[in-house]
Amino acid sequence: MAATASADWAQEDKRRLLHAVYRVGDLNKTIEVYQKAFGLKLLRSRDVPDEKYSNAFLGYGPEEDHFAFELTYNYGKDSYDIGEGFGHFAIATNDVYKLSKDIKKAGGNITREPGPVKGGDLDRSIDFYTRVLGLKLIRKRDNPEYKYTLAFLGYKGDESAETVFELTYNWGRDSYTKGDAYAQVAISTEDVYKTGDQIKAAGVSLLKEPGPLPGLGTKILSLTDPDGYKIVFVDTADFLKELEK
């Protein structure tokens, strides 16, 4: 086990967003839509029969340095409640009109429903994501006409060079239903044990203490943010070993 973390470990650690985990009822169909509609590549897949689930990882580049979608199929479950709290994944495109046509062709639906991952208390969430997770607040934006505020946070502080969190506060709304489709966001850490110590020193409890995952051996820890959304830290060395298999 690693030495106890210093108070500055959240800033000293080399962290980045690895993937967002989303549960799906038909893994093959979802992979097909993500490839045809969004142009994503299937990077790898795995089946974990002992734990009764399968994963597929899709992205625009190798996982060593790109963010990825992790789709999870739990054996025997074909539908999920998306809830209200998770809003969307954002993908940059040079031609939004062409992308819209591609999505329709692939069998997807176009909606205009607002809202990324929503927080009931934006200042509280920003404090947690910066102080506990070690992210930087890149910018905030108020939209009085539509009565919401956005906050963008990342590890590099540059939206053009990394995947970021986008938190939304809808004025006057302090809670959302979560559903069971959105699972978690995974973040890399150089030392999962030090990160666990740093989080607990910040006054936050862990859902799962640092240690290996059954069936995989990759060391992780997990916790929830102030609104109850799950965050997982993944040991960087173990994650890279997964990619070699």
C-alpha atoms as a PDB file:
ATOM      1  CA  MET A   1       0.000   0.000   0.000  1.00  0.00           C
ATOM      2  CA  ALA A   2       1.258   3.500  -0.846  1.00  0.00           C
ATOM      3  CA  ALA A   3       2.242   6.128   1.685  1.00  0.00           C
ATOM      4  CA  THR A   4      -0.408   8.475   3.055  1.00  0.00           C
ATOM      5  CA  ALA A   5      -1.231  11.255   0.592  1.00  0.00           C
ATOM      6  CA  SER A   6      -0.213  14.834   1.199  1.00  0.00           C
ATOM      7  CA  ALA A   7      -2.840  17.573   1.263  1.00  0.00           C
ATOM      8  CA  ASP A   8      -1.681  18.594  -2.240  1.00  0.00           C
ATOM      9  CA  TRP A   9      -2.056  15.141  -3.829  1.00  0.00           C
ATOM     10  CA  ALA A  10      -5.143  16.148  -5.837  1.00  0.00           C
ATOM     11  CA  GLN A  11      -2.992  18.689  -7.691  1.00  0.00           C
ATOM     12  CA  GLU A  12       0.202  16.615  -7.804  1.00  0.00           C
ATOM     13  CA  ASP A  13      -1.527  13.530  -9.237  1.00  0.00           C
ATOM     14  CA  LYS A  14      -1.659  13.125 -13.035  1.00  0.00           C
ATOM     15  CA  ARG A  15      -5.384  12.736 -13.561  1.00  0.00           C
ATOM     16  CA  ARG A  16      -7.565  12.727 -16.658  1.00  0.00           C
ATOM     17  CA  LEU A  17     -11.082  11.671 -17.563  1.00  0.00           C
ATOM     18  CA  LEU A  18     -10.960   8.099 -18.921  1.00  0.00           C
ATOM     19  CA  HIS A  19     -14.521   7.175 -19.828  1.00  0.00           C
ATOM     20  CA  ALA A  20     -18.184   7.603 -19.013  1.00  0.00           C
ATOM     21  CA  VAL A  21     -20.116   4.429 -18.253  1.00  0.00           C
ATOM     22  CA  TYR A  22     -23.652   4.048 -19.571  1.00  0.00           C
ATOM     23  CA  ARG A  23     -25.900   0.979 -19.233  1.00  0.00           C
ATOM     24  CA  VAL A  24     -27.677  -0.262 -22.364  1.00  0.00           C
ATOM     25  CA  GLY A  25     -30.268  -2.940 -23.063  1.00  0.00           C
ATOM     26  CA  ASP A  26     -28.983  -4.025 -26.489  1.00  0.00           C
ATOM     27  CA  LEU A  27     -25.205  -3.785 -26.715  1.00  0.00           C
ATOM     28  CA  ASN A  28     -24.790  -4.746 -30.383  1.00  0.00           C
ATOM     29  CA  LYS A  29     -27.507  -2.345 -31.567  1.00  0.00           C
ATOM     30  CA  THR A  30     -26.038   0.523 -29.541  1.00  0.00           C
ATOM     31  CA  ILE A  31     -22.535  -0.145 -30.894  1.00  0.00           C
ATOM     32  CA  GLU A  32     -23.913  -0.069 -34.437  1.00  0.00           C
ATOM     33  CA  VAL A  33     -25.701   3.260 -33.879  1.00  0.00           C
ATOM     34  CA  TYR A  34     -22.656   4.851 -32.219  1.00  0.00           C
ATOM     35  CA  GLN A  35     -20.475   3.782 -35.141  1.00  0.00           C
ATOM     36  CA  LYS A  36     -22.861   4.788 -37.937  1.00  0.00           C
ATOM     37  CA  ALA A  37     -24.331   7.932 -36.402  1.00  0.00           C
ATOM     38  CA  PHE A  38     -21.360   9.384 -34.529  1.00  0.00           C
ATOM     39  CA  GLY A  39     -18.405   7.874 -36.371  1.00  0.00           C
ATOM     40  CA  LEU A  40     -17.005   6.300 -33.212  1.00  0.00           C
ATOM     41  CA  LYS A  41     -14.637   3.330 -33.401  1.00  0.00           C
ATOM     42  CA  LEU A  42     -15.072   0.137 -31.401  1.00  0.00           C
ATOM     43  CA  LEU A  43     -11.786   0.106 -29.462  1.00  0.00           C
ATOM     44  CA  ARG A  44     -12.267  -3.094 -27.462  1.00  0.00           C
ATOM     45  CA  SER A  45     -14.875  -5.250 -25.799  1.00  0.00           C
ATOM     46  CA  ARG A  46     -14.882  -7.722 -22.951  1.00  0.00           C
ATOM     47  CA  ASP A  47     -17.214 -10.251 -21.406  1.00  0.00           C
ATOM     48  CA  VAL A  48     -17.150 -10.926 -17.657  1.00  0.00           C
ATOM     49  CA  PRO A  49     -19.402 -13.987 -17.232  1.00  0.00           C
ATOM     50  CA  ASP A  50     -18.655 -14.429 -13.519  1.00  0.00           C
ATOM     51  CA  GLU A  51     -20.099 -10.967 -12.865  1.00  0.00           C
ATOM     52  CA  LYS A  52     -22.740 -11.303 -15.635  1.00  0.00           C
ATOM     53  CA  TYR A  53     -21.948  -8.246 -17.727  1.00  0.00           C
ATOM     54  CA  SER A  54     -20.257  -7.216 -20.983  1.00  0.00           C
ATOM     55  CA  ASN A  55     -18.506  -3.943 -21.888  1.00  0.00           C
ATOM     56  CA  ALA A  56     -17.765  -2.186 -25.156  1.00  0.00           C
ATOM     57  CA  PHE A  57     -15.404   0.786 -25.354  1.00  0.00           C
ATOM     58  CA  LEU A  58     -15.869   3.284 -28.201  1.00  0.00           C
ATOM     59  CA  GLY A  59     -13.952   6.457 -28.988  1.00  0.00           C
ATOM     60  CA  TYR A  60     -12.305   8.624 -31.616  1.00  0.00           C
ATOM     61  CA  GLY A  61      -8.766   7.552 -30.753  1.00  0.00           C
ATOM     62  CA  PRO A  62      -6.759   5.167 -28.548  1.00  0.00           C
ATOM     63  CA  GLU A  63      -7.726   5.020 -24.893  1.00  0.00           C
ATOM     64  CA  GLU A  64      -4.145   5.743 -23.826  1.00  0.00           C
ATOM     65  CA  ASP A  65      -4.805   9.425 -24.563  1.00  0.00           C
ATOM     66  CA  HIS A  66      -8.480   9.754 -25.613  1.00  0.00           C
ATOM     67  CA  PHE A  67     -11.738   9.793 -23.665  1.00  0.00           C
ATOM     68  CA  ALA A  68     -14.059   6.857 -24.413  1.00  0.00           C
ATOM     69  CA  PHE A  69     -17.640   5.706 -23.976  1.00  0.00           C
ATOM     70  CA  GLU A  70     -17.947   2.534 -21.931  1.00  0.00           C
ATOM     71  CA  LEU A  71     -21.235   0.787 -22.711  1.00  0.00           C
ATOM     72  CA  THR A  72     -22.326  -1.860 -20.230  1.00  0.00           C
ATOM     73  CA  TYR A  73     -24.790  -4.673 -20.853  1.00  0.00           C
ATOM     74  CA  ASN A  74     -25.954  -6.498 -17.733  1.00  0.00           C
ATOM     75  CA  TYR A  75     -27.117  -9.997 -18.604  1.00  0.00           C
ATOM     76  CA  GLY A  76     -30.894 -10.258 -18.854  1.00  0.00           C
ATOM     77  CA  LYS A  77     -31.672  -6.528 -18.488  1.00  0.00           C
ATOM     78  CA  ASP A  78     -33.016  -4.857 -21.623  1.00  0.00           C
ATOM     79  CA  SER A  79     -34.138  -1.408 -20.460  1.00  0.00           C
ATOM     80  CA  TYR A  80     -33.184   1.383 -18.060  1.00  0.00           C
ATOM     81  CA  ASP A  81     -34.634   4.619 -16.728  1.00  0.00           C
ATOM     82  CA  ILE A  82     -32.475   7.534 -17.908  1.00  0.00           C
ATOM     83  CA  GLY A  83     -33.781   9.805 -15.135  1.00  0.00           C
ATOM     84  CA  GLU A  84     -33.556  13.599 -15.188  1.00  0.00           C
ATOM     85  CA  GLY A  85     -30.095  14.258 -13.784  1.00  0.00           C
ATOM     86  CA  PHE A  86     -27.995  13.048 -16.716  1.00  0.00           C
ATOM     87  CA  GLY A  87     -28.438  15.324 -19.725  1.00  0.00           C
ATOM     88  CA  HIS A  88     -26.085  14.443 -22.547  1.00  0.00           C
ATOM     89  CA  PHE A  89     -22.634  13.714 -23.890  1.00  0.00           C
ATOM     90  CA  ALA A  90     -21.314  16.581 -26.044  1.00  0.00           C
ATOM     91  CA  ILE A  91     -19.405  15.823 -29.261  1.00  0.00           C
ATOM     92  CA  ALA A  92     -17.799  18.528 -31.411  1.00  0.00           C
ATOM     93  CA  THR A  93     -18.635  18.424 -35.126  1.00  0.00           C
ATOM     94  CA  ASN A  94     -17.747  20.556 -38.142  1.00  0.00           C
ATOM     95  CA  ASP A  95     -21.202  20.076 -39.687  1.00  0.00           C
ATOM     96  CA  VAL A  96     -24.079  19.699 -37.257  1.00  0.00           C
ATOM     97  CA  TYR A  97     -26.621  19.442 -40.102  1.00  0.00           C
ATOM     98  CA  LYS A  98     -24.865  16.483 -41.726  1.00  0.00           C
ATOM     99  CA  LEU A  99     -24.455  14.825 -38.341  1.00  0.00           C
ATOM    100  CA  SER A 100     -28.182  15.214 -37.736  1.00  0.00           C
ATOM    101  CA  LYS A 101     -28.932  13.415 -41.017  1.00  0.00           C
ATOM    102  CA  ASP A 102     -26.449  10.643 -40.174  1.00  0.00           C
ATOM    103  CA  ILE A 103     -28.098  10.118 -36.783  1.00  0.00           C
ATOM    104  CA  LYS A 104     -31.568   9.846 -38.341  1.00  0.00           C
ATOM    105  CA  LYS A 105     -30.251   7.428 -40.978  1.00  0.00           C
ATOM    106  CA  ALA A 106     -28.773   5.234 -38.259  1.00  0.00           C
ATOM    107  CA  GLY A 107     -32.127   5.071 -36.461  1.00  0.00           C
ATOM    108  CA  GLY A 108     -31.402   7.662 -33.779  1.00  0.00           C
ATOM    109  CA  ASN A 109     -33.800  10.364 -32.565  1.00  0.00           C
ATOM    110  CA  ILE A 110     -33.051  14.102 -32.645  1.00  0.00           C
ATOM    111  CA  THR A 111     -34.156  15.990 -29.543  1.00  0.00           C
ATOM    112  CA  ARG A 112     -33.714  19.492 -28.198  1.00  0.00           C
ATOM    113  CA  GLU A 113     -34.074  18.692 -24.552  1.00  0.00           C
ATOM    114  CA  PRO A 114     -31.697  20.840 -22.479  1.00  0.00           C
ATOM    115  CA  GLY A 115     -29.172  19.965 -19.830  1.00  0.00           C
ATOM    116  CA  PRO A 116     -25.862  18.239 -19.250  1.00  0.00           C
ATOM    117  CA  VAL A 117     -25.220  16.566 -15.887  1.00  0.00           C
ATOM    118  CA  LYS A 118     -27.243  18.736 -13.519  1.00  0.00           C
ATOM    119  CA  GLY A 119     -26.395  19.844 -10.010  1.00  0.00           C
ATOM    120  CA  GLY A 120     -28.873  21.036  -7.407  1.00  0.00           C
ATOM    121  CA  ASP A 121     -26.367  23.432  -5.807  1.00  0.00           C
ATOM    122  CA  LEU A 122     -23.801  24.615  -8.339  1.00  0.00           C
ATOM    123  CA  ASP A 123     -21.387  26.281  -5.903  1.00  0.00           C
ATOM    124  CA  ARG A 124     -21.379  23.177  -3.706  1.00  0.00           C
ATOM    125  CA  SER A 125     -20.710  20.989  -6.757  1.00  0.00           C
ATOM    126  CA  ILE A 126     -17.901  23.247  -8.002  1.00  0.00           C
ATOM    127  CA  ASP A 127     -16.267  23.132  -4.562  1.00  0.00           C
ATOM    128  CA  PHE A 128     -16.447  19.323  -4.562  1.00  0.00           C
ATOM    129  CA  TYR A 129     -15.132  18.887  -8.117  1.00  0.00           C
ATOM    130  CA  THR A 130     -12.214  21.276  -7.551  1.00  0.00           C
ATOM    131  CA  ARG A 131     -11.271  20.580  -3.917  1.00  0.00           C
ATOM    132  CA  VAL A 132     -11.953  16.832  -3.794  1.00  0.00           C
ATOM    133  CA  LEU A 133     -11.475  15.681  -7.406  1.00  0.00           C
ATOM    134  CA  GLY A 134      -8.720  18.195  -8.221  1.00  0.00           C
ATOM    135  CA  LEU A 135     -10.386  19.692 -11.311  1.00  0.00           C
ATOM    136  CA  LYS A 136     -10.001  23.312 -12.424  1.00  0.00           C
ATOM    137  CA  LEU A 137     -12.960  25.616 -12.998  1.00  0.00           C
ATOM    138  CA  ILE A 138     -12.509  26.729 -16.610  1.00  0.00           C
ATOM    139  CA  ARG A 139     -15.512  29.017 -16.951  1.00  0.00           C
ATOM    140  CA  LYS A 140     -19.055  29.748 -15.802  1.00  0.00           C
ATOM    141  CA  ARG A 141     -21.893  31.062 -17.930  1.00  0.00           C
ATOM    142  CA  ASP A 142     -25.267  32.471 -16.884  1.00  0.00           C
ATOM    143  CA  ASN A 143     -28.268  32.396 -19.208  1.00  0.00           C
ATOM    144  CA  PRO A 144     -30.917  34.589 -17.536  1.00  0.00           C
ATOM    145  CA  GLU A 145     -33.351  34.288 -20.467  1.00  0.00           C
ATOM    146  CA  TYR A 146     -33.624  30.516 -20.008  1.00  0.00           C
ATOM    147  CA  LYS A 147     -32.841  30.583 -16.287  1.00  0.00           C
ATOM    148  CA  TYR A 148     -29.825  28.315 -16.039  1.00  0.00           C
ATOM    149  CA  THR A 149     -26.099  28.523 -15.239  1.00  0.00           C
ATOM    150  CA  LEU A 150     -23.319  26.331 -16.644  1.00  0.00           C
ATOM    151  CA  ALA A 151     -19.915  25.481 -15.165  1.00  0.00           C
ATOM    152  CA  PHE A 152     -17.133  23.751 -17.128  1.00  0.00           C
ATOM    153  CA  LEU A 153     -14.349  21.888 -15.280  1.00  0.00           C
ATOM    154  CA  GLY A 154     -11.297  19.958 -16.462  1.00  0.00           C
ATOM    155  CA  TYR A 155      -7.821  18.857 -15.433  1.00  0.00           C
ATOM    156  CA  LYS A 156      -5.839  20.828 -18.007  1.00  0.00           C
ATOM    157  CA  GLY A 157      -7.984  23.946 -17.924  1.00  0.00           C
ATOM    158  CA  ASP A 158      -8.390  23.961 -21.726  1.00  0.00           C
ATOM    159  CA  GLU A 159     -11.651  22.756 -23.276  1.00  0.00           C
ATOM    160  CA  SER A 160     -10.051  22.501 -26.716  1.00  0.00           C
ATOM    161  CA  ALA A 161      -7.510  19.946 -25.460  1.00  0.00           C
ATOM    162  CA  GLU A 162      -9.468  17.678 -23.107  1.00  0.00           C
ATOM    163  CA  THR A 163     -12.806  16.196 -22.113  1.00  0.00           C
ATOM    164  CA  VAL A 164     -14.546  18.272 -19.446  1.00  0.00           C
ATOM    165  CA  PHE A 165     -17.447  18.113 -17.027  1.00  0.00           C
ATOM    166  CA  GLU A 166     -20.335  20.443 -17.811  1.00  0.00           C
ATOM    167  CA  LEU A 167     -22.525  21.054 -14.765  1.00  0.00           C
ATOM    168  CA  THR A 168     -25.908  22.748 -15.154  1.00  0.00           C
ATOM    169  CA  TYR A 169     -27.928  24.539 -12.516  1.00  0.00           C
ATOM    170  CA  ASN A 170     -31.538  25.222 -13.537  1.00  0.00           C
ATOM    171  CA  TRP A 171     -32.630  28.168 -11.416  1.00  0.00           C
ATOM    172  CA  GLY A 172     -34.948  27.185  -8.584  1.00  0.00           C
ATOM    173  CA  ARG A 173     -34.465  23.418  -9.060  1.00  0.00           C
ATOM    174  CA  ASP A 174     -32.531  21.599  -6.341  1.00  0.00           C
ATOM    175  CA  SER A 175     -32.982  17.909  -7.158  1.00  0.00           C
ATOM    176  CA  TYR A 176     -33.436  15.459 -10.052  1.00  0.00           C
ATOM    177  CA  THR A 177     -34.375  11.825 -10.472  1.00  0.00           C
ATOM    178  CA  LYS A 178     -31.306   9.793 -11.385  1.00  0.00           C
ATOM    179  CA  GLY A 179     -32.699   6.686 -13.072  1.00  0.00           C
ATOM    180  CA  ASP A 180     -30.402   3.700 -13.541  1.00  0.00           C
ATOM    181  CA  ALA A 181     -28.955   4.105 -17.055  1.00  0.00           C
ATOM    182  CA  TYR A 182     -26.105   6.490 -16.242  1.00  0.00           C
ATOM    183  CA  ALA A 183     -23.507   4.604 -14.213  1.00  0.00           C
ATOM    184  CA  GLN A 184     -20.356   6.627 -13.535  1.00  0.00           C
ATOM    185  CA  VAL A 185     -17.433   8.646 -14.843  1.00  0.00           C
ATOM    186  CA  ALA A 186     -13.957   7.117 -14.539  1.00  0.00           C
ATOM    187  CA  ILE A 187     -10.852   9.220 -13.776  1.00  0.00           C
ATOM    188  CA  SER A 188      -7.260   8.018 -13.833  1.00  0.00           C
ATOM    189  CA  THR A 189      -4.920   8.307 -10.856  1.00  0.00           C
ATOM    190  CA  GLU A 190      -1.248   7.470 -10.415  1.00  0.00           C
ATOM    191  CA  ASP A 191      -1.905   6.026  -6.948  1.00  0.00           C
ATOM    192  CA  VAL A 192      -5.402   4.866  -6.015  1.00  0.00           C
ATOM    193  CA  TYR A 193      -4.448   4.499  -2.338  1.00  0.00           C
ATOM    194  CA  LYS A 194      -3.106   8.047  -2.042  1.00  0.00           C
ATOM    195  CA  THR A 195      -6.209   9.329  -3.812  1.00  0.00           C
ATOM    196  CA  GLY A 196      -8.384   7.481  -1.306  1.00  0.00           C
ATOM    197  CA  ASP A 197      -6.500   9.072   1.588  1.00  0.00           C
ATOM    198  CA  GLN A 198      -6.754  12.522  -0.029  1.00  0.00           C
ATOM    199  CA  ILE A 199     -10.523  12.194  -0.543  1.00  0.00           C
ATOM    200  CA  LYS A 200     -11.122  11.058   3.028  1.00  0.00           C
ATOM    201  CA  ALA A 201      -8.905  13.871   4.342  1.00  0.00           C
ATOM    202  CA  ALA A 202     -11.224  16.271   2.490  1.00  0.00           C
ATOM    203  CA  GLY A 203     -14.111  14.921   4.579  1.00  0.00           C
ATOM    204  CA  VAL A 204     -15.700  12.716   1.912  1.00  0.00           C
ATOM    205  CA  SER A 205     -16.591   9.059   2.447  1.00  0.00           C
ATOM    206  CA  LEU A 206     -15.774   6.357  -0.090  1.00  0.00           C
ATOM    207  CA  LEU A 207     -18.329   3.966  -1.550  1.00  0.00           C
ATOM    208  CA  LYS A 208     -15.560   1.474  -2.280  1.00  0.00           C
ATOM    209  CA  GLU A 209     -12.178   1.509  -0.600  1.00  0.00           C
ATOM    210  CA  PRO A 210      -9.132   1.236  -2.927  1.00  0.00           C
ATOM    211  CA  GLY A 211      -8.588  -2.294  -4.158  1.00  0.00           C
ATOM    212  CA  PRO A 212      -8.841  -4.673  -7.133  1.00  0.00           C
ATOM    213  CA  LEU A 213     -12.039  -5.278  -9.089  1.00  0.00           C
ATOM    214  CA  PRO A 214     -13.345  -8.875  -9.033  1.00  0.00           C
ATOM    215  CA  GLY A 215     -12.639 -10.636 -12.314  1.00  0.00           C
ATOM    216  CA  LEU A 216     -10.347  -7.882 -13.623  1.00  0.00           C
ATOM    217  CA  GLY A 217      -7.771  -7.093 -10.957  1.00  0.00           C
ATOM    218  CA  THR A 218      -7.700  -3.385 -11.830  1.00  0.00           C
ATOM    219  CA  LYS A 219      -7.445  -1.279  -8.671  1.00  0.00           C
ATOM    220  CA  ILE A 220     -10.180   1.334  -8.242  1.00  0.00           C
ATOM    221  CA  LEU A 221     -12.022   3.343  -5.631  1.00  0.00           C
ATOM    222  CA  SER A 222     -15.444   4.955  -5.867  1.00  0.00           C
ATOM    223  CA  LEU A 223     -17.375   7.800  -4.277  1.00  0.00           C
ATOM    224  CA  THR A 224     -20.383   9.981  -5.054  1.00  0.00           C
ATOM    225  CA  ASP A 225     -20.585  13.695  -5.710  1.00  0.00           C
ATOM    226  CA  PRO A 226     -22.914  15.943  -3.644  1.00  0.00           C
ATOM    227  CA  ASP A 227     -25.868  15.062  -5.894  1.00  0.00           C
ATOM    228  CA  GLY A 228     -25.279  11.320  -5.634  1.00  0.00           C
ATOM    229  CA  TYR A 229     -23.549  10.685  -8.981  1.00  0.00           C
ATOM    230  CA  LYS A 230     -20.871   8.020  -8.907  1.00  0.00           C
ATOM    231  CA  ILE A 231     -17.208   8.819  -9.621  1.00  0.00           C
ATOM    232  CA  VAL A 232     -14.585   6.073  -9.985  1.00  0.00           C
ATOM    233  CA  PHE A 233     -10.814   6.536  -9.808  1.00  0.00           C
ATOM    234  CA  VAL A 234      -8.848   3.928 -11.768  1.00  0.00           C
ATOM    235  CA  ASP A 235      -5.176   3.080 -11.220  1.00  0.00           C
ATOM    236  CA  THR A 236      -3.335   4.336 -14.319  1.00  0.00           C
ATOM    237  CA  ALA A 237      -0.829   1.460 -14.516  1.00  0.00           C
ATOM    238  CA  ASP A 238      -3.599  -1.128 -14.177  1.00  0.00           C
ATOM    239  CA  PHE A 239      -5.707   0.644 -16.799  1.00  0.00           C
ATOM    240  CA  LEU A 240      -2.840   0.581 -19.297  1.00  0.00           C
ATOM    241  CA  LYS A 241      -2.353  -3.146 -18.602  1.00  0.00           C
ATOM    242  CA  GLU A 242      -6.031  -3.672 -19.462  1.00  0.00           C
ATOM    243  CA  LEU A 243      -5.408  -2.115 -22.872  1.00  0.00           C
ATOM    244  CA  GLU A 244      -2.563  -4.583 -23.553  1.00  0.00           C
ATOM    245  CA  LYS A 245      -4.832  -7.626 -23.194  1.00  0.00           C
END
